[in-house]
């Protein structure tokens, strides 16, 4: 039998991209989606086999909502998804009882391998996090050169309209880039994106100004 997955992430763009990846896994059958803990619990997917749960979401975070989600999906393995692979975040995931930890910057192959690991009943965490079953993943999000350019202008306080003009793109394309950047950094605002960029060493001298 194929597994039933539940993707929980408030970023539609990231959720769509993740779905396109996981649907290619031979062990995956149906895939449900939710944009929050409340929405996920309301689905009442008692037969879900695996939940990929974003840590940073508005309202109730993935860490805080883990217990509620386990009650709603009692048989499911739960792998937390985060833009950060900081040791304290991974440790907290373990303490809260997560079955794995997947960086948002992981490659498609890494994601598929993590799913295989989780469905096999094995914990899957990044390397050097105190577990023999590991999945690779860089500490810094994988932003494209274009996304880095948009991030620089975004953190300099430029609105989407100005970024689009400066980059020679449509505003809709810029909005897609901004959504992807937020998903990679695990943030929901421009000010949070600036802080995340500085913390990850992605900031440049141009990253300043009102947000």
N, C-alpha and C. Protein backbone atom coordinates (compact mmCIF):
# COMPACT_ATOMS: atom_id res chain seq x y z
N UNK A 1 0.84 -1.20 0.00
CA UNK A 1 0.00 0.00 0.00
C UNK A 1 0.88 1.26 0.00
N UNK A 2 0.41 2.28 -0.66
CA UNK A 2 1.14 3.54 -0.68
C UNK A 2 0.74 4.38 0.53
N UNK A 3 1.65 5.28 0.92
CA UNK A 3 1.45 6.08 2.12
C UNK A 3 0.62 7.33 1.83
N UNK A 4 -0.05 7.80 2.87
CA UNK A 4 -0.82 9.03 2.77
C UNK A 4 -0.05 10.13 3.49
N UNK A 5 0.25 11.20 2.78
CA UNK A 5 1.04 12.30 3.32
C UNK A 5 0.19 13.53 3.59
N UNK A 6 0.64 14.32 4.56
CA UNK A 6 0.03 15.61 4.85
C UNK A 6 1.13 16.65 4.88
N UNK A 7 1.00 17.67 4.05
CA UNK A 7 1.96 18.78 4.00
C UNK A 7 1.36 19.97 4.73
N UNK A 8 2.06 20.46 5.73
CA UNK A 8 1.55 21.61 6.51
C UNK A 8 2.55 22.75 6.44
N UNK A 9 2.20 23.79 5.70
CA UNK A 9 3.07 24.95 5.52
C UNK A 9 2.20 26.12 5.08
N UNK A 10 2.44 27.30 5.65
CA UNK A 10 1.60 28.45 5.31
C UNK A 10 1.99 29.11 4.01
N UNK A 11 3.13 28.74 3.43
CA UNK A 11 3.55 29.30 2.14
C UNK A 11 3.04 28.42 1.00
N UNK A 12 2.08 28.91 0.25
CA UNK A 12 1.50 28.12 -0.84
C UNK A 12 2.55 27.72 -1.87
N UNK A 13 3.47 28.63 -2.15
CA UNK A 13 4.48 28.37 -3.17
C UNK A 13 5.39 27.21 -2.75
N UNK A 14 5.86 27.27 -1.51
CA UNK A 14 6.73 26.20 -1.03
C UNK A 14 5.98 24.88 -0.96
N UNK A 15 4.73 24.93 -0.51
CA UNK A 15 3.92 23.71 -0.39
C UNK A 15 3.71 23.07 -1.76
N UNK A 16 3.47 23.91 -2.76
CA UNK A 16 3.28 23.40 -4.12
C UNK A 16 4.55 22.74 -4.63
N UNK A 17 5.70 23.41 -4.40
CA UNK A 17 6.96 22.84 -4.84
C UNK A 17 7.28 21.54 -4.13
N UNK A 18 6.98 21.48 -2.83
CA UNK A 18 7.23 20.25 -2.07
C UNK A 18 6.34 19.12 -2.57
N UNK A 19 5.10 19.46 -2.89
CA UNK A 19 4.19 18.43 -3.40
C UNK A 19 4.69 17.85 -4.71
N UNK A 20 5.22 18.70 -5.59
CA UNK A 20 5.73 18.22 -6.87
C UNK A 20 6.88 17.25 -6.68
N UNK A 21 7.65 17.45 -5.59
CA UNK A 21 8.76 16.55 -5.32
C UNK A 21 8.29 15.24 -4.72
N UNK A 22 7.47 15.33 -3.65
CA UNK A 22 7.10 14.11 -2.92
C UNK A 22 6.17 13.20 -3.71
N UNK A 23 5.42 13.76 -4.67
CA UNK A 23 4.50 12.92 -5.43
C UNK A 23 5.24 11.95 -6.35
N UNK A 24 6.54 12.18 -6.55
CA UNK A 24 7.33 11.26 -7.37
C UNK A 24 7.87 10.08 -6.57
N UNK A 25 7.68 10.12 -5.25
CA UNK A 25 8.17 9.02 -4.42
C UNK A 25 7.29 7.79 -4.64
N UNK A 26 7.87 6.64 -4.95
CA UNK A 26 7.07 5.44 -5.23
C UNK A 26 6.23 4.96 -4.06
N UNK A 27 6.61 5.36 -2.84
CA UNK A 27 5.85 4.91 -1.69
C UNK A 27 4.75 5.85 -1.27
N UNK A 28 4.60 6.96 -2.00
CA UNK A 28 3.60 7.96 -1.66
C UNK A 28 2.35 7.81 -2.52
N UNK A 29 1.21 7.84 -1.87
CA UNK A 29 -0.06 7.76 -2.59
C UNK A 29 -0.75 9.11 -2.60
N UNK A 30 -1.75 9.29 -1.74
CA UNK A 30 -2.47 10.55 -1.67
C UNK A 30 -1.70 11.59 -0.86
N UNK A 31 -1.89 12.85 -1.22
CA UNK A 31 -1.22 13.95 -0.55
C UNK A 31 -2.25 15.01 -0.19
N UNK A 32 -2.37 15.31 1.09
CA UNK A 32 -3.26 16.37 1.55
C UNK A 32 -2.41 17.57 1.96
N UNK A 33 -3.03 18.76 1.97
CA UNK A 33 -2.30 19.98 2.31
C UNK A 33 -3.08 20.81 3.31
N UNK A 34 -2.34 21.55 4.13
CA UNK A 34 -2.95 22.47 5.09
C UNK A 34 -2.01 23.66 5.28
N UNK A 35 -2.58 24.82 5.57
CA UNK A 35 -1.78 26.02 5.73
C UNK A 35 -1.54 26.41 7.17
N UNK A 36 -2.06 25.61 8.13
CA UNK A 36 -1.88 25.91 9.55
C UNK A 36 -2.13 24.65 10.36
N UNK A 37 -1.79 24.69 11.64
CA UNK A 37 -2.04 23.57 12.53
C UNK A 37 -3.55 23.33 12.65
N UNK A 38 -4.30 24.41 12.81
CA UNK A 38 -5.75 24.28 12.95
C UNK A 38 -6.37 23.63 11.72
N UNK A 39 -5.94 24.08 10.54
CA UNK A 39 -6.47 23.51 9.30
C UNK A 39 -6.09 22.05 9.15
N UNK A 40 -4.86 21.71 9.56
CA UNK A 40 -4.41 20.32 9.48
C UNK A 40 -5.22 19.42 10.40
N UNK A 41 -5.45 19.87 11.63
CA UNK A 41 -6.23 19.08 12.59
C UNK A 41 -7.67 18.92 12.14
N UNK A 42 -8.20 19.96 11.50
CA UNK A 42 -9.59 19.91 11.04
C UNK A 42 -9.81 18.88 9.94
N UNK A 43 -8.73 18.51 9.24
CA UNK A 43 -8.84 17.52 8.17
C UNK A 43 -9.15 16.13 8.71
N UNK A 44 -8.81 15.89 9.98
CA UNK A 44 -9.07 14.61 10.65
C UNK A 44 -8.51 13.42 9.84
N UNK A 45 -7.26 13.53 9.49
CA UNK A 45 -6.62 12.47 8.70
C UNK A 45 -6.03 11.42 9.64
N UNK A 46 -6.89 10.63 10.27
CA UNK A 46 -6.43 9.63 11.22
C UNK A 46 -5.61 8.53 10.56
N UNK A 47 -5.74 8.40 9.24
CA UNK A 47 -4.99 7.36 8.53
C UNK A 47 -3.74 7.90 7.84
N UNK A 48 -3.36 9.14 8.14
CA UNK A 48 -2.14 9.71 7.55
C UNK A 48 -0.93 8.93 8.05
N UNK A 49 0.02 8.69 7.14
CA UNK A 49 1.23 7.94 7.49
C UNK A 49 2.42 8.84 7.78
N UNK A 50 2.43 10.02 7.17
CA UNK A 50 3.57 10.92 7.33
C UNK A 50 3.12 12.36 7.21
N UNK A 51 3.62 13.20 8.10
CA UNK A 51 3.33 14.63 8.07
C UNK A 51 4.65 15.39 7.93
N UNK A 52 4.72 16.25 6.93
CA UNK A 52 5.85 17.17 6.79
C UNK A 52 5.36 18.52 7.30
N UNK A 53 5.88 18.93 8.45
CA UNK A 53 5.34 20.07 9.19
C UNK A 53 6.33 21.22 9.29
N UNK A 54 5.95 22.37 8.76
CA UNK A 54 6.79 23.56 8.84
C UNK A 54 6.87 24.03 10.29
N UNK A 55 8.05 24.46 10.71
CA UNK A 55 8.21 24.93 12.08
C UNK A 55 7.66 26.34 12.25
N UNK A 56 8.04 27.24 11.35
CA UNK A 56 7.67 28.65 11.52
C UNK A 56 6.42 28.99 10.73
N UNK A 57 5.31 29.11 11.45
CA UNK A 57 4.04 29.49 10.84
C UNK A 57 3.36 30.51 11.74
N UNK A 58 2.54 31.39 11.16
CA UNK A 58 1.82 32.36 12.00
C UNK A 58 0.79 31.65 12.86
N UNK A 59 0.48 32.26 13.99
CA UNK A 59 -0.48 31.64 14.90
C UNK A 59 0.24 30.65 15.79
N UNK A 60 0.11 29.37 15.47
CA UNK A 60 0.77 28.32 16.24
C UNK A 60 1.89 27.69 15.41
N UNK A 61 3.09 27.68 15.97
CA UNK A 61 4.22 27.13 15.25
C UNK A 61 4.13 25.61 15.16
N UNK A 62 4.97 25.04 14.30
CA UNK A 62 4.98 23.59 14.16
C UNK A 62 5.39 22.89 15.45
N UNK A 63 6.35 23.49 16.16
CA UNK A 63 6.80 22.89 17.42
C UNK A 63 5.68 22.90 18.44
N UNK A 64 4.99 24.04 18.57
CA UNK A 64 3.91 24.14 19.55
C UNK A 64 2.71 23.28 19.16
N UNK A 65 2.51 23.10 17.85
CA UNK A 65 1.35 22.35 17.40
C UNK A 65 1.60 20.86 17.21
N UNK A 66 2.83 20.41 17.49
CA UNK A 66 3.18 19.02 17.25
C UNK A 66 2.29 18.05 18.04
N UNK A 67 2.03 18.37 19.30
CA UNK A 67 1.21 17.49 20.14
C UNK A 67 -0.22 17.39 19.59
N UNK A 68 -0.79 18.53 19.20
CA UNK A 68 -2.15 18.53 18.65
C UNK A 68 -2.21 17.74 17.35
N UNK A 69 -1.18 17.88 16.54
CA UNK A 69 -1.17 17.19 15.26
C UNK A 69 -1.04 15.68 15.47
N UNK A 70 -0.30 15.28 16.47
CA UNK A 70 -0.19 13.85 16.75
C UNK A 70 -1.52 13.27 17.21
N UNK A 71 -2.30 14.07 17.90
CA UNK A 71 -3.62 13.62 18.33
C UNK A 71 -4.55 13.46 17.12
N UNK A 72 -4.41 14.39 16.16
CA UNK A 72 -5.26 14.34 14.97
C UNK A 72 -4.81 13.25 14.00
N UNK A 73 -3.51 12.97 13.98
CA UNK A 73 -2.95 11.95 13.08
C UNK A 73 -2.13 10.97 13.92
N UNK A 74 -2.80 10.13 14.69
CA UNK A 74 -2.11 9.29 15.69
C UNK A 74 -1.11 8.29 15.13
N UNK A 75 -1.26 7.85 13.90
CA UNK A 75 -0.34 6.84 13.35
C UNK A 75 0.76 7.43 12.49
N UNK A 76 0.72 8.73 12.31
CA UNK A 76 1.65 9.38 11.37
C UNK A 76 3.02 9.65 11.99
N UNK A 77 4.04 9.47 11.19
CA UNK A 77 5.37 9.95 11.53
C UNK A 77 5.38 11.44 11.21
N UNK A 78 6.06 12.25 12.02
CA UNK A 78 6.07 13.69 11.82
C UNK A 78 7.50 14.18 11.64
N UNK A 79 7.77 14.75 10.48
CA UNK A 79 9.08 15.32 10.17
C UNK A 79 8.93 16.84 10.11
N UNK A 80 9.68 17.53 10.94
CA UNK A 80 9.63 18.99 10.95
C UNK A 80 10.48 19.56 9.83
N UNK A 81 9.99 20.61 9.19
CA UNK A 81 10.67 21.25 8.07
C UNK A 81 11.03 22.67 8.48
N UNK A 82 12.28 23.05 8.27
CA UNK A 82 12.70 24.37 8.72
C UNK A 82 13.76 24.96 7.80
N UNK A 83 13.79 26.30 7.75
CA UNK A 83 14.83 26.99 6.97
C UNK A 83 16.16 26.97 7.72
N UNK A 84 16.11 26.67 9.01
CA UNK A 84 17.32 26.66 9.83
C UNK A 84 17.68 25.23 10.24
N UNK A 85 18.98 24.96 10.27
CA UNK A 85 19.44 23.68 10.80
C UNK A 85 20.34 23.93 12.00
N UNK A 86 20.03 25.00 12.74
CA UNK A 86 20.79 25.31 13.95
C UNK A 86 20.64 24.18 14.96
N UNK A 87 21.72 23.83 15.68
CA UNK A 87 21.67 22.73 16.64
C UNK A 87 20.55 22.86 17.66
N UNK A 88 20.28 24.11 18.13
CA UNK A 88 19.23 24.26 19.13
C UNK A 88 17.85 23.97 18.55
N UNK A 89 17.64 24.29 17.28
CA UNK A 89 16.35 24.00 16.64
C UNK A 89 16.16 22.49 16.47
N UNK A 90 17.23 21.81 16.08
CA UNK A 90 17.16 20.36 15.90
C UNK A 90 16.96 19.68 17.26
N UNK A 91 17.66 20.18 18.28
CA UNK A 91 17.51 19.62 19.62
C UNK A 91 16.07 19.78 20.11
N UNK A 92 15.51 20.97 19.88
CA UNK A 92 14.14 21.22 20.30
C UNK A 92 13.16 20.30 19.59
N UNK A 93 13.42 20.03 18.32
CA UNK A 93 12.57 19.11 17.56
C UNK A 93 12.60 17.72 18.18
N UNK A 94 13.78 17.28 18.58
CA UNK A 94 13.93 15.98 19.23
C UNK A 94 13.16 15.95 20.55
N UNK A 95 13.35 17.01 21.35
CA UNK A 95 12.71 17.08 22.66
C UNK A 95 11.19 17.03 22.53
N UNK A 96 10.67 17.67 21.50
CA UNK A 96 9.22 17.70 21.30
C UNK A 96 8.69 16.39 20.72
N UNK A 97 9.59 15.49 20.34
CA UNK A 97 9.15 14.19 19.86
C UNK A 97 9.00 14.05 18.37
N UNK A 98 9.64 14.92 17.59
CA UNK A 98 9.58 14.80 16.13
C UNK A 98 10.34 13.56 15.69
N UNK A 99 9.93 12.99 14.56
CA UNK A 99 10.58 11.80 14.01
C UNK A 99 11.70 12.15 13.04
N UNK A 100 11.83 13.42 12.71
CA UNK A 100 12.87 13.83 11.80
C UNK A 100 12.90 15.33 11.65
N UNK A 101 13.92 15.83 10.97
CA UNK A 101 14.11 17.26 10.77
C UNK A 101 14.67 17.45 9.37
N UNK A 102 13.94 18.19 8.55
CA UNK A 102 14.31 18.36 7.14
C UNK A 102 14.54 19.83 6.82
N UNK A 103 15.75 20.21 6.39
CA UNK A 103 16.00 21.60 5.99
C UNK A 103 15.22 21.96 4.73
N UNK A 104 14.70 23.16 4.67
CA UNK A 104 13.99 23.60 3.46
C UNK A 104 14.95 23.73 2.28
N UNK A 105 16.23 23.83 2.57
CA UNK A 105 17.22 23.96 1.51
C UNK A 105 17.67 22.60 0.98
N UNK A 106 17.09 21.52 1.50
CA UNK A 106 17.48 20.18 1.05
C UNK A 106 17.12 20.00 -0.43
N UNK A 107 17.92 19.18 -1.11
CA UNK A 107 17.64 18.89 -2.52
C UNK A 107 16.45 17.95 -2.63
N UNK A 108 15.93 17.81 -3.85
CA UNK A 108 14.81 16.90 -4.08
C UNK A 108 15.18 15.47 -3.68
N UNK A 109 16.40 15.06 -4.01
CA UNK A 109 16.85 13.71 -3.65
C UNK A 109 16.91 13.53 -2.14
N UNK A 110 17.39 14.56 -1.44
CA UNK A 110 17.46 14.49 0.02
C UNK A 110 16.06 14.34 0.62
N UNK A 111 15.10 15.08 0.06
CA UNK A 111 13.72 15.03 0.55
C UNK A 111 13.14 13.64 0.35
N UNK A 112 13.36 13.06 -0.83
CA UNK A 112 12.84 11.73 -1.12
C UNK A 112 13.48 10.69 -0.21
N UNK A 113 14.77 10.85 0.07
CA UNK A 113 15.45 9.91 0.95
C UNK A 113 14.93 10.05 2.39
N UNK A 114 14.62 11.27 2.79
CA UNK A 114 14.07 11.49 4.13
C UNK A 114 12.70 10.82 4.26
N UNK A 115 11.90 10.90 3.20
CA UNK A 115 10.59 10.26 3.22
C UNK A 115 10.73 8.75 3.32
N UNK A 116 11.66 8.19 2.56
CA UNK A 116 11.92 6.75 2.64
C UNK A 116 12.31 6.34 4.05
N UNK A 117 13.19 7.14 4.65
CA UNK A 117 13.66 6.89 6.00
C UNK A 117 12.50 6.95 7.00
N UNK A 118 11.68 7.98 6.91
CA UNK A 118 10.58 8.16 7.85
C UNK A 118 9.53 7.07 7.70
N UNK A 119 9.19 6.72 6.46
CA UNK A 119 8.18 5.69 6.23
C UNK A 119 8.67 4.31 6.68
N UNK A 120 9.99 4.16 6.76
CA UNK A 120 10.56 2.89 7.23
C UNK A 120 10.61 2.83 8.75
N UNK A 121 10.15 3.90 9.40
CA UNK A 121 10.13 3.92 10.86
C UNK A 121 11.41 4.36 11.51
N UNK A 122 12.30 4.95 10.72
CA UNK A 122 13.58 5.39 11.24
C UNK A 122 13.59 6.90 11.44
N UNK A 123 14.24 7.39 12.51
CA UNK A 123 14.38 8.84 12.68
C UNK A 123 15.34 9.38 11.64
N UNK A 124 15.09 10.56 11.13
CA UNK A 124 15.97 11.14 10.12
C UNK A 124 16.26 12.60 10.49
N UNK A 125 17.50 12.84 10.85
CA UNK A 125 17.94 14.17 11.26
C UNK A 125 19.21 14.54 10.50
N UNK A 126 19.53 15.85 10.42
CA UNK A 126 20.75 16.27 9.72
C UNK A 126 21.99 15.68 10.36
N UNK A 127 23.10 15.65 9.63
CA UNK A 127 24.35 15.10 10.18
C UNK A 127 24.79 15.83 11.44
N UNK A 128 25.53 15.09 12.28
CA UNK A 128 26.11 15.66 13.50
C UNK A 128 25.07 16.18 14.47
N UNK A 129 23.87 15.58 14.44
CA UNK A 129 22.83 16.01 15.38
C UNK A 129 22.51 14.92 16.38
N UNK A 130 23.42 13.95 16.49
CA UNK A 130 23.26 12.95 17.53
C UNK A 130 22.40 11.78 17.16
N UNK A 131 22.30 11.46 15.85
CA UNK A 131 21.50 10.32 15.45
C UNK A 131 22.16 9.65 14.27
N UNK A 132 22.15 8.32 14.23
CA UNK A 132 22.83 7.60 13.16
C UNK A 132 22.11 7.69 11.84
N UNK A 133 20.78 7.84 11.87
CA UNK A 133 20.02 7.99 10.62
C UNK A 133 19.97 9.47 10.28
N UNK A 134 20.67 9.90 9.24
CA UNK A 134 20.78 11.32 8.96
C UNK A 134 20.40 11.64 7.54
N UNK A 135 20.09 12.92 7.33
CA UNK A 135 19.84 13.42 5.99
C UNK A 135 20.73 14.63 5.80
N UNK A 136 21.29 14.83 4.62
CA UNK A 136 22.16 15.97 4.40
C UNK A 136 21.36 17.25 4.27
N UNK A 137 22.07 18.39 4.40
CA UNK A 137 21.39 19.66 4.23
C UNK A 137 22.28 20.81 4.63
N UNK A 138 22.52 21.77 3.77
CA UNK A 138 23.37 22.89 4.10
C UNK A 138 22.72 23.81 5.10
N UNK A 139 23.53 24.55 5.86
CA UNK A 139 22.99 25.44 6.87
C UNK A 139 22.40 26.70 6.23
N UNK A 140 22.91 27.07 5.07
CA UNK A 140 22.43 28.28 4.41
C UNK A 140 21.42 27.93 3.32
N UNK A 141 20.26 28.61 3.30
CA UNK A 141 19.26 28.32 2.27
C UNK A 141 19.82 28.46 0.87
N UNK A 142 19.34 27.65 -0.05
CA UNK A 142 19.82 27.67 -1.44
C UNK A 142 19.02 28.68 -2.25
N UNK A 143 19.46 29.92 -2.23
CA UNK A 143 18.80 30.97 -3.01
C UNK A 143 19.53 31.12 -4.34
N UNK A 144 18.76 31.32 -5.40
CA UNK A 144 19.36 31.54 -6.70
C UNK A 144 19.97 32.94 -6.74
N UNK A 145 20.77 33.19 -7.76
CA UNK A 145 21.40 34.50 -7.91
C UNK A 145 20.34 35.59 -8.03
N UNK A 146 19.27 35.29 -8.77
CA UNK A 146 18.18 36.26 -8.92
C UNK A 146 17.49 36.52 -7.59
N UNK A 147 17.27 35.46 -6.80
CA UNK A 147 16.63 35.62 -5.50
C UNK A 147 17.50 36.42 -4.55
N UNK A 148 18.82 36.23 -4.63
CA UNK A 148 19.73 37.01 -3.80
C UNK A 148 19.67 38.49 -4.16
N UNK A 149 19.56 38.77 -5.47
CA UNK A 149 19.42 40.15 -5.92
C UNK A 149 18.14 40.76 -5.37
N UNK A 150 17.04 39.99 -5.45
CA UNK A 150 15.75 40.47 -4.95
C UNK A 150 15.82 40.66 -3.44
N UNK A 151 16.47 39.73 -2.73
CA UNK A 151 16.61 39.83 -1.28
C UNK A 151 17.35 41.10 -0.88
N UNK A 152 18.42 41.43 -1.62
CA UNK A 152 19.19 42.64 -1.33
C UNK A 152 18.31 43.88 -1.46
N UNK A 153 17.55 43.97 -2.55
CA UNK A 153 16.67 45.13 -2.75
C UNK A 153 15.52 45.14 -1.77
N UNK A 154 15.01 43.96 -1.46
CA UNK A 154 13.91 43.83 -0.51
C UNK A 154 14.33 44.34 0.87
N UNK A 155 15.52 43.93 1.30
CA UNK A 155 16.01 44.33 2.61
C UNK A 155 16.47 45.79 2.64
N UNK A 156 16.65 46.38 1.46
CA UNK A 156 16.98 47.80 1.39
C UNK A 156 15.72 48.65 1.42
N UNK A 157 14.58 48.00 1.60
CA UNK A 157 13.32 48.73 1.72
C UNK A 157 12.61 49.01 0.41
N UNK A 158 13.05 48.37 -0.68
CA UNK A 158 12.44 48.62 -1.98
C UNK A 158 11.11 47.86 -2.11
N UNK A 159 10.04 48.51 -2.55
CA UNK A 159 8.77 47.81 -2.78
C UNK A 159 8.86 46.95 -4.03
N UNK A 160 7.93 46.02 -4.17
CA UNK A 160 7.96 45.10 -5.31
C UNK A 160 7.98 45.83 -6.65
N UNK A 161 7.26 46.94 -6.73
CA UNK A 161 7.19 47.68 -7.99
C UNK A 161 8.57 48.18 -8.40
N UNK A 162 9.33 48.69 -7.43
CA UNK A 162 10.67 49.21 -7.72
C UNK A 162 11.63 48.07 -8.03
N UNK A 163 11.52 46.97 -7.28
CA UNK A 163 12.37 45.80 -7.54
C UNK A 163 12.13 45.28 -8.95
N UNK A 164 10.86 45.23 -9.35
CA UNK A 164 10.52 44.75 -10.68
C UNK A 164 11.15 45.63 -11.76
N UNK A 165 11.09 46.94 -11.53
CA UNK A 165 11.69 47.87 -12.50
C UNK A 165 13.20 47.72 -12.55
N UNK A 166 13.82 47.63 -11.38
CA UNK A 166 15.28 47.51 -11.33
C UNK A 166 15.78 46.20 -11.94
N UNK A 167 15.00 45.13 -11.76
CA UNK A 167 15.41 43.81 -12.24
C UNK A 167 14.88 43.49 -13.64
N UNK A 168 14.06 44.37 -14.19
CA UNK A 168 13.50 44.11 -15.51
C UNK A 168 12.53 42.95 -15.53
N UNK A 169 11.77 42.81 -14.44
CA UNK A 169 10.80 41.72 -14.33
C UNK A 169 9.42 42.29 -14.07
N UNK A 170 8.42 41.43 -14.17
CA UNK A 170 7.07 41.84 -13.82
C UNK A 170 6.91 41.80 -12.31
N UNK A 171 5.92 42.56 -11.80
CA UNK A 171 5.68 42.54 -10.36
C UNK A 171 5.27 41.15 -9.89
N UNK A 172 4.52 40.44 -10.72
CA UNK A 172 4.10 39.10 -10.34
C UNK A 172 5.30 38.17 -10.17
N UNK A 173 6.28 38.29 -11.08
CA UNK A 173 7.50 37.48 -10.96
C UNK A 173 8.25 37.82 -9.67
N UNK A 174 8.30 39.09 -9.34
CA UNK A 174 8.97 39.51 -8.11
C UNK A 174 8.24 38.94 -6.89
N UNK A 175 6.90 38.96 -6.93
CA UNK A 175 6.13 38.39 -5.82
C UNK A 175 6.45 36.91 -5.64
N UNK A 176 6.61 36.20 -6.74
CA UNK A 176 6.97 34.78 -6.67
C UNK A 176 8.35 34.63 -6.03
N UNK A 177 9.30 35.47 -6.43
CA UNK A 177 10.65 35.42 -5.84
C UNK A 177 10.59 35.71 -4.34
N UNK A 178 9.82 36.72 -3.96
CA UNK A 178 9.72 37.09 -2.55
C UNK A 178 9.11 35.95 -1.73
N UNK A 179 8.08 35.32 -2.27
CA UNK A 179 7.46 34.17 -1.58
C UNK A 179 8.45 33.04 -1.41
N UNK A 180 9.25 32.79 -2.45
CA UNK A 180 10.25 31.72 -2.38
C UNK A 180 11.34 32.06 -1.36
N UNK A 181 11.73 33.33 -1.32
CA UNK A 181 12.75 33.78 -0.35
C UNK A 181 12.22 33.61 1.07
N UNK A 182 10.98 34.05 1.31
CA UNK A 182 10.39 33.91 2.64
C UNK A 182 10.33 32.44 3.04
N UNK A 183 9.96 31.58 2.10
CA UNK A 183 9.86 30.15 2.39
C UNK A 183 11.23 29.58 2.74
N UNK A 184 12.25 29.96 1.98
CA UNK A 184 13.61 29.46 2.23
C UNK A 184 14.15 29.94 3.58
N UNK A 185 13.84 31.20 3.92
CA UNK A 185 14.34 31.77 5.17
C UNK A 185 13.45 31.43 6.35
N UNK A 186 12.23 30.94 6.07
CA UNK A 186 11.30 30.60 7.14
C UNK A 186 10.76 31.81 7.85
N UNK A 187 10.47 32.87 7.08
CA UNK A 187 9.98 34.13 7.67
C UNK A 187 8.68 34.54 6.99
N UNK A 188 8.04 35.57 7.58
CA UNK A 188 6.76 36.03 7.05
C UNK A 188 6.72 37.54 6.83
N UNK A 189 7.87 38.20 6.97
CA UNK A 189 7.89 39.65 6.79
C UNK A 189 9.26 40.08 6.28
N UNK A 190 9.32 41.30 5.78
CA UNK A 190 10.58 41.82 5.26
C UNK A 190 11.58 42.06 6.38
N UNK A 191 11.11 42.56 7.51
CA UNK A 191 12.03 42.80 8.62
C UNK A 191 12.62 41.49 9.11
N UNK A 192 11.80 40.45 9.16
CA UNK A 192 12.30 39.13 9.57
C UNK A 192 13.28 38.59 8.54
N UNK A 193 13.02 38.88 7.26
CA UNK A 193 13.93 38.44 6.20
C UNK A 193 15.30 39.09 6.36
N UNK A 194 15.31 40.39 6.72
CA UNK A 194 16.57 41.10 6.94
C UNK A 194 17.36 40.46 8.08
N UNK A 195 16.67 40.17 9.18
CA UNK A 195 17.34 39.57 10.33
C UNK A 195 17.89 38.19 9.98
N UNK A 196 17.08 37.41 9.25
CA UNK A 196 17.50 36.07 8.85
C UNK A 196 18.70 36.14 7.91
N UNK A 197 18.66 37.10 6.98
CA UNK A 197 19.77 37.25 6.02
C UNK A 197 21.06 37.61 6.75
N UNK A 198 20.96 38.49 7.73
CA UNK A 198 22.15 38.87 8.50
C UNK A 198 22.66 37.69 9.31
N UNK A 199 21.74 36.93 9.91
CA UNK A 199 22.13 35.79 10.75
C UNK A 199 22.82 34.71 9.93
N UNK A 200 22.38 34.55 8.67
CA UNK A 200 22.92 33.49 7.81
C UNK A 200 24.11 33.97 6.98
N UNK A 201 24.50 35.23 7.17
CA UNK A 201 25.64 35.74 6.42
C UNK A 201 25.30 36.08 4.99
N UNK A 202 24.01 36.33 4.71
CA UNK A 202 23.60 36.67 3.35
C UNK A 202 23.51 38.18 3.16
N UNK A 203 23.73 38.93 4.25
CA UNK A 203 23.57 40.37 4.16
C UNK A 203 24.74 41.00 3.43
N UNK A 204 24.47 42.16 2.86
CA UNK A 204 25.50 42.94 2.17
C UNK A 204 25.43 44.36 2.69
N UNK A 205 26.40 45.22 2.33
CA UNK A 205 26.34 46.62 2.79
C UNK A 205 25.06 47.33 2.35
N UNK A 206 24.38 46.79 1.31
CA UNK A 206 23.17 47.47 0.85
C UNK A 206 21.94 47.10 1.67
N UNK A 207 22.09 46.09 2.59
CA UNK A 207 20.93 45.62 3.34
C UNK A 207 20.68 46.55 4.51
N UNK A 208 20.01 47.66 4.24
CA UNK A 208 19.69 48.59 5.30
C UNK A 208 18.52 49.44 4.83
N UNK A 209 18.07 50.34 5.72
CA UNK A 209 16.97 51.21 5.34
C UNK A 209 15.66 50.76 5.92
N UNK A 210 14.60 51.55 5.76
CA UNK A 210 13.29 51.24 6.33
C UNK A 210 12.71 50.00 5.70
N UNK A 211 11.93 49.25 6.52
CA UNK A 211 11.29 48.03 6.05
C UNK A 211 9.79 48.15 6.18
